[in-house]
Amino acid sequence: MFIAHLPAGYLATRFVLRRHPAPEPLRRGLMALGMAASVLPDLDLLWFYFVDERRQVHHAYLPHLPLFCLAVFGVAALVLRLRGAGRTAWLAMMVLAVNVMLHQVLDTVAGGIRWLWPFSRAELVLAHVPARHDAWVLNFVLHWSFGLELVILAAALAVGWSARRHPPGAARVPR
């Protein structure tokens, strides 16, 4: 995925906040957290380019391994529970976890994710992108999966536009 992670993160965070309302300053902070979390696994690209010298696909690194991420969230949830964390901490944890895991789901479409690592190195991928063009990015942009990204982007733009016209808590006037 090239352009869908941020818009999908926006949509996912809006969904969470719709189900678990928060006051406005906290809502903005959680939205920022959700957007950051939606691209967080791709920070491994820094390692991929600057340390590993592109020796293996970046989806093989820890931030792109769902069972590893779930284990981290499990430990974090245990810490929150033991410390008696309040609603805000749990809500932040939920926003973070939902967006990181959504990133994995989206990358499964055409990128391949090792859903069962460390038990299996097999990558689950819904569609392989054939290398037909010299410019590698064209292979992805001209693949049908990029249409899915455009749909996610359009949905996020529509929801965002609607939210600006009708902010939370504002009375809606029937036409």
C-alpha atoms as a PDB file:
ATOM      1  CA  MET A   1       0.000   0.000   0.000  1.00  0.00           C
ATOM      2  CA  PHE A   2       1.250   3.425  -0.920  1.00  0.00           C
ATOM      3  CA  ILE A   3      -1.447   5.958  -0.125  1.00  0.00           C
ATOM      4  CA  ALA A   4      -4.104   4.068   1.864  1.00  0.00           C
ATOM      5  CA  HIS A   5      -2.532   3.723   5.323  1.00  0.00           C
ATOM      6  CA  LEU A   6      -3.169   7.293   6.499  1.00  0.00           C
ATOM      7  CA  PRO A   7      -6.735   7.541   5.140  1.00  0.00           C
ATOM      8  CA  ALA A   8      -7.541   4.080   6.537  1.00  0.00           C
ATOM      9  CA  GLY A   9      -6.103   5.185   9.879  1.00  0.00           C
ATOM     10  CA  TYR A  10      -8.313   8.247   9.808  1.00  0.00           C
ATOM     11  CA  LEU A  11     -11.392   6.125   9.113  1.00  0.00           C
ATOM     12  CA  ALA A  12     -10.504   3.510  11.745  1.00  0.00           C
ATOM     13  CA  THR A  13      -9.839   6.134  14.416  1.00  0.00           C
ATOM     14  CA  ARG A  14     -13.090   7.937  13.612  1.00  0.00           C
ATOM     15  CA  PHE A  15     -14.886   4.599  13.981  1.00  0.00           C
ATOM     16  CA  VAL A  16     -13.298   3.935  17.386  1.00  0.00           C
ATOM     17  CA  LEU A  17     -14.076   7.463  18.584  1.00  0.00           C
ATOM     18  CA  ARG A  18     -17.646   7.194  17.369  1.00  0.00           C
ATOM     19  CA  ARG A  19     -18.101   4.080  19.531  1.00  0.00           C
ATOM     20  CA  HIS A  20     -16.119   5.531  22.456  1.00  0.00           C
ATOM     21  CA  PRO A  21     -16.691   9.310  22.515  1.00  0.00           C
ATOM     22  CA  ALA A  22     -14.042  11.572  23.996  1.00  0.00           C
ATOM     23  CA  PRO A  23     -13.953  15.312  24.746  1.00  0.00           C
ATOM     24  CA  GLU A  24     -12.534  17.485  21.983  1.00  0.00           C
ATOM     25  CA  PRO A  25      -8.929  18.036  23.121  1.00  0.00           C
ATOM     26  CA  LEU A  26      -8.528  14.304  23.805  1.00  0.00           C
ATOM     27  CA  ARG A  27     -10.320  13.465  20.549  1.00  0.00           C
ATOM     28  CA  ARG A  28      -7.774  15.484  18.544  1.00  0.00           C
ATOM     29  CA  GLY A  29      -4.888  13.813  20.345  1.00  0.00           C
ATOM     30  CA  LEU A  30      -6.325  10.363  19.737  1.00  0.00           C
ATOM     31  CA  MET A  31      -6.853  11.203  16.080  1.00  0.00           C
ATOM     32  CA  ALA A  32      -3.182  12.225  15.814  1.00  0.00           C
ATOM     33  CA  LEU A  33      -2.174   9.007  17.587  1.00  0.00           C
ATOM     34  CA  GLY A  34      -4.309   6.961  15.216  1.00  0.00           C
ATOM     35  CA  MET A  35      -2.852   8.603  12.132  1.00  0.00           C
ATOM     36  CA  ALA A  36       0.694   8.062  13.413  1.00  0.00           C
ATOM     37  CA  ALA A  37      -0.058   4.449  14.341  1.00  0.00           C
ATOM     38  CA  SER A  38      -1.477   3.794  10.878  1.00  0.00           C
ATOM     39  CA  VAL A  39       2.005   4.277   9.384  1.00  0.00           C
ATOM     40  CA  LEU A  40       4.061   3.190  12.409  1.00  0.00           C
ATOM     41  CA  PRO A  41       5.030  -0.244  11.031  1.00  0.00           C
ATOM     42  CA  ASP A  42       6.601   1.438   7.996  1.00  0.00           C
ATOM     43  CA  LEU A  43       9.248   3.045  10.197  1.00  0.00           C
ATOM     44  CA  ASP A  44      11.101  -0.193   9.552  1.00  0.00           C
ATOM     45  CA  LEU A  45      11.859   1.254   6.116  1.00  0.00           C
ATOM     46  CA  LEU A  46      14.576   3.321   7.807  1.00  0.00           C
ATOM     47  CA  TRP A  47      16.290   0.081   8.855  1.00  0.00           C
ATOM     48  CA  PHE A  48      15.613  -1.434   5.426  1.00  0.00           C
ATOM     49  CA  TYR A  49      17.348   1.382   3.535  1.00  0.00           C
ATOM     50  CA  PHE A  50      20.007   2.659   5.940  1.00  0.00           C
ATOM     51  CA  VAL A  51      21.118  -0.396   7.914  1.00  0.00           C
ATOM     52  CA  ASP A  52      20.062  -3.618   6.201  1.00  0.00           C
ATOM     53  CA  GLU A  53      20.907  -2.305   2.712  1.00  0.00           C
ATOM     54  CA  ARG A  54      17.660  -3.807   1.327  1.00  0.00           C
ATOM     55  CA  ARG A  55      18.783  -7.418   1.919  1.00  0.00           C
ATOM     56  CA  GLN A  56      15.276  -8.620   2.800  1.00  0.00           C
ATOM     57  CA  VAL A  57      11.798  -7.238   2.295  1.00  0.00           C
ATOM     58  CA  HIS A  58      10.824  -4.847   5.078  1.00  0.00           C
ATOM     59  CA  HIS A  59       7.630  -6.834   5.742  1.00  0.00           C
ATOM     60  CA  ALA A  60       9.897  -9.451   7.378  1.00  0.00           C
ATOM     61  CA  TYR A  61      10.930  -7.055  10.164  1.00  0.00           C
ATOM     62  CA  LEU A  62       9.281  -7.111  13.608  1.00  0.00           C
ATOM     63  CA  PRO A  63       6.916  -4.129  13.097  1.00  0.00           C
ATOM     64  CA  HIS A  64       5.265  -6.014  10.212  1.00  0.00           C
ATOM     65  CA  LEU A  65       4.817  -9.302  12.094  1.00  0.00           C
ATOM     66  CA  PRO A  66       1.244  -9.424  13.457  1.00  0.00           C
ATOM     67  CA  LEU A  67       1.818 -11.991  16.217  1.00  0.00           C
ATOM     68  CA  PHE A  68       4.758  -9.943  17.491  1.00  0.00           C
ATOM     69  CA  CYS A  69       2.588  -6.796  17.493  1.00  0.00           C
ATOM     70  CA  LEU A  70      -0.225  -8.645  19.276  1.00  0.00           C
ATOM     71  CA  ALA A  71       2.245  -9.867  21.900  1.00  0.00           C
ATOM     72  CA  VAL A  72       3.455  -6.290  22.462  1.00  0.00           C
ATOM     73  CA  PHE A  73      -0.150  -5.093  22.801  1.00  0.00           C
ATOM     74  CA  GLY A  74      -0.861  -7.961  25.198  1.00  0.00           C
ATOM     75  CA  VAL A  75       2.052  -6.969  27.427  1.00  0.00           C
ATOM     76  CA  ALA A  76       0.985  -3.319  27.254  1.00  0.00           C
ATOM     77  CA  ALA A  77      -2.584  -4.269  28.200  1.00  0.00           C
ATOM     78  CA  LEU A  78      -1.264  -6.266  31.159  1.00  0.00           C
ATOM     79  CA  VAL A  79       0.770  -3.256  32.308  1.00  0.00           C
ATOM     80  CA  LEU A  80      -2.282  -0.991  31.946  1.00  0.00           C
ATOM     81  CA  ARG A  81      -4.348  -3.460  33.957  1.00  0.00           C
ATOM     82  CA  LEU A  82      -1.748  -3.834  36.707  1.00  0.00           C
ATOM     83  CA  ARG A  83      -1.347  -0.070  36.993  1.00  0.00           C
ATOM     84  CA  GLY A  84      -5.107   0.494  37.108  1.00  0.00           C
ATOM     85  CA  ALA A  85      -5.030   2.716  34.038  1.00  0.00           C
ATOM     86  CA  GLY A  86      -8.000   4.912  33.318  1.00  0.00           C
ATOM     87  CA  ARG A  87     -10.293   5.129  30.312  1.00  0.00           C
ATOM     88  CA  THR A  88      -8.014   7.507  28.406  1.00  0.00           C
ATOM     89  CA  ALA A  89      -5.042   5.115  28.484  1.00  0.00           C
ATOM     90  CA  TRP A  90      -7.207   2.193  27.369  1.00  0.00           C
ATOM     91  CA  LEU A  91      -8.719   4.276  24.584  1.00  0.00           C
ATOM     92  CA  ALA A  92      -5.249   5.313  23.400  1.00  0.00           C
ATOM     93  CA  MET A  93      -4.177   1.662  23.484  1.00  0.00           C
ATOM     94  CA  MET A  94      -7.214   0.666  21.437  1.00  0.00           C
ATOM     95  CA  VAL A  95      -6.559   3.364  18.826  1.00  0.00           C
ATOM     96  CA  LEU A  96      -2.910   2.344  18.593  1.00  0.00           C
ATOM     97  CA  ALA A  97      -3.637  -1.397  18.297  1.00  0.00           C
ATOM     98  CA  VAL A  98      -6.473  -1.027  15.795  1.00  0.00           C
ATOM     99  CA  ASN A  99      -4.362   1.109  13.486  1.00  0.00           C
ATOM    100  CA  VAL A 100      -1.195  -0.993  13.657  1.00  0.00           C
ATOM    101  CA  MET A 101      -3.173  -4.161  12.944  1.00  0.00           C
ATOM    102  CA  LEU A 102      -5.124  -2.456  10.147  1.00  0.00           C
ATOM    103  CA  HIS A 103      -1.764  -1.611   8.591  1.00  0.00           C
ATOM    104  CA  GLN A 104      -0.966  -5.349   8.551  1.00  0.00           C
ATOM    105  CA  VAL A 105      -4.321  -6.179   6.947  1.00  0.00           C
ATOM    106  CA  LEU A 106      -3.832  -3.585   4.210  1.00  0.00           C
ATOM    107  CA  ASP A 107      -0.298  -4.794   3.515  1.00  0.00           C
ATOM    108  CA  THR A 108      -1.685  -8.306   3.061  1.00  0.00           C
ATOM    109  CA  VAL A 109      -3.561  -7.193  -0.061  1.00  0.00           C
ATOM    110  CA  ALA A 110      -0.523  -6.887  -2.339  1.00  0.00           C
ATOM    111  CA  GLY A 111       2.533  -6.835  -0.100  1.00  0.00           C
ATOM    112  CA  GLY A 112       2.601 -10.099   1.785  1.00  0.00           C
ATOM    113  CA  ILE A 113       2.584 -10.443   5.573  1.00  0.00           C
ATOM    114  CA  ARG A 114       3.885 -13.309   7.711  1.00  0.00           C
ATOM    115  CA  TRP A 115       0.746 -13.723   9.804  1.00  0.00           C
ATOM    116  CA  LEU A 116       1.946 -16.885  11.545  1.00  0.00           C
ATOM    117  CA  TRP A 117       5.558 -15.908  12.255  1.00  0.00           C
ATOM    118  CA  PRO A 118       7.402 -17.296  14.283  1.00  0.00           C
ATOM    119  CA  PHE A 119       5.579 -20.557  13.539  1.00  0.00           C
ATOM    120  CA  SER A 120       5.808 -20.106   9.774  1.00  0.00           C
ATOM    121  CA  ARG A 121       7.760 -17.887   7.407  1.00  0.00           C
ATOM    122  CA  ALA A 122       5.014 -18.145   4.775  1.00  0.00           C
ATOM    123  CA  GLU A 123       3.643 -14.817   3.571  1.00  0.00           C
ATOM    124  CA  LEU A 124      -0.062 -14.348   3.077  1.00  0.00           C
ATOM    125  CA  VAL A 125      -0.734 -12.123   0.091  1.00  0.00           C
ATOM    126  CA  LEU A 126      -4.062 -11.721  -1.670  1.00  0.00           C
ATOM    127  CA  ALA A 127      -2.679 -10.530  -5.008  1.00  0.00           C
ATOM    128  CA  HIS A 128       0.799 -10.717  -6.469  1.00  0.00           C
ATOM    129  CA  VAL A 129       1.885  -7.614  -8.362  1.00  0.00           C
ATOM    130  CA  PRO A 130       3.706  -8.671 -11.533  1.00  0.00           C
ATOM    131  CA  ALA A 131       6.873  -6.801 -12.514  1.00  0.00           C
ATOM    132  CA  ARG A 132       5.852  -5.508 -15.936  1.00  0.00           C
ATOM    133  CA  HIS A 133       7.386  -2.029 -15.843  1.00  0.00           C
ATOM    134  CA  ASP A 134      10.980  -0.921 -15.310  1.00  0.00           C
ATOM    135  CA  ALA A 135       9.856   1.728 -12.826  1.00  0.00           C
ATOM    136  CA  TRP A 136       8.805  -0.511  -9.909  1.00  0.00           C
ATOM    137  CA  VAL A 137       6.286   2.002  -8.586  1.00  0.00           C
ATOM    138  CA  LEU A 138       4.305   1.753 -11.833  1.00  0.00           C
ATOM    139  CA  ASN A 139       3.785  -1.946 -11.201  1.00  0.00           C
ATOM    140  CA  PHE A 140       1.839  -1.047  -8.068  1.00  0.00           C
ATOM    141  CA  VAL A 141       0.086   2.095  -9.307  1.00  0.00           C
ATOM    142  CA  LEU A 142      -1.194   0.299 -12.423  1.00  0.00           C
ATOM    143  CA  HIS A 143      -2.322  -2.791 -10.467  1.00  0.00           C
ATOM    144  CA  TRP A 144      -5.994  -3.231  -9.500  1.00  0.00           C
ATOM    145  CA  SER A 145      -5.085  -3.040  -5.802  1.00  0.00           C
ATOM    146  CA  PHE A 146      -4.263   0.640  -6.232  1.00  0.00           C
ATOM    147  CA  GLY A 147      -7.945   1.136  -7.061  1.00  0.00           C
ATOM    148  CA  LEU A 148      -8.729  -0.151  -3.563  1.00  0.00           C
ATOM    149  CA  GLU A 149      -6.363   2.455  -2.175  1.00  0.00           C
ATOM    150  CA  LEU A 150      -8.170   5.159  -4.145  1.00  0.00           C
ATOM    151  CA  VAL A 151     -11.521   3.967  -2.754  1.00  0.00           C
ATOM    152  CA  ILE A 152     -10.147   4.166   0.814  1.00  0.00           C
ATOM    153  CA  LEU A 153      -8.785   7.656   0.093  1.00  0.00           C
ATOM    154  CA  ALA A 154     -12.121   8.783  -1.376  1.00  0.00           C
ATOM    155  CA  ALA A 155     -14.008   7.394   1.631  1.00  0.00           C
ATOM    156  CA  ALA A 156     -11.727   9.233   4.057  1.00  0.00           C
ATOM    157  CA  LEU A 157     -12.115  12.475   2.096  1.00  0.00           C
ATOM    158  CA  ALA A 158     -15.908  12.083   2.076  1.00  0.00           C
ATOM    159  CA  VAL A 159     -16.053  11.358   5.812  1.00  0.00           C
ATOM    160  CA  GLY A 160     -13.684  14.238   6.564  1.00  0.00           C
ATOM    161  CA  TRP A 161     -15.668  16.631   4.388  1.00  0.00           C
ATOM    162  CA  SER A 162     -18.896  15.567   6.064  1.00  0.00           C
ATOM    163  CA  ALA A 163     -17.313  15.973   9.506  1.00  0.00           C
ATOM    164  CA  ARG A 164     -16.251  19.531   8.694  1.00  0.00           C
ATOM    165  CA  ARG A 165     -19.785  20.367   7.615  1.00  0.00           C
ATOM    166  CA  HIS A 166     -21.324  18.630  10.642  1.00  0.00           C
ATOM    167  CA  PRO A 167     -18.880  18.649  13.600  1.00  0.00           C
ATOM    168  CA  PRO A 168     -19.556  16.276  16.524  1.00  0.00           C
ATOM    169  CA  GLY A 169     -22.123  17.699  18.907  1.00  0.00           C
ATOM    170  CA  ALA A 170     -23.473  20.191  16.377  1.00  0.00           C
ATOM    171  CA  ALA A 171     -27.215  20.152  15.835  1.00  0.00           C
ATOM    172  CA  ARG A 172     -28.180  19.015  12.374  1.00  0.00           C
ATOM    173  CA  VAL A 173     -30.885  21.041  10.723  1.00  0.00           C
ATOM    174  CA  PRO A 174     -33.228  18.994   8.518  1.00  0.00           C
ATOM    175  CA  ARG A 175     -33.710  20.292   4.987  1.00  0.00           C
END
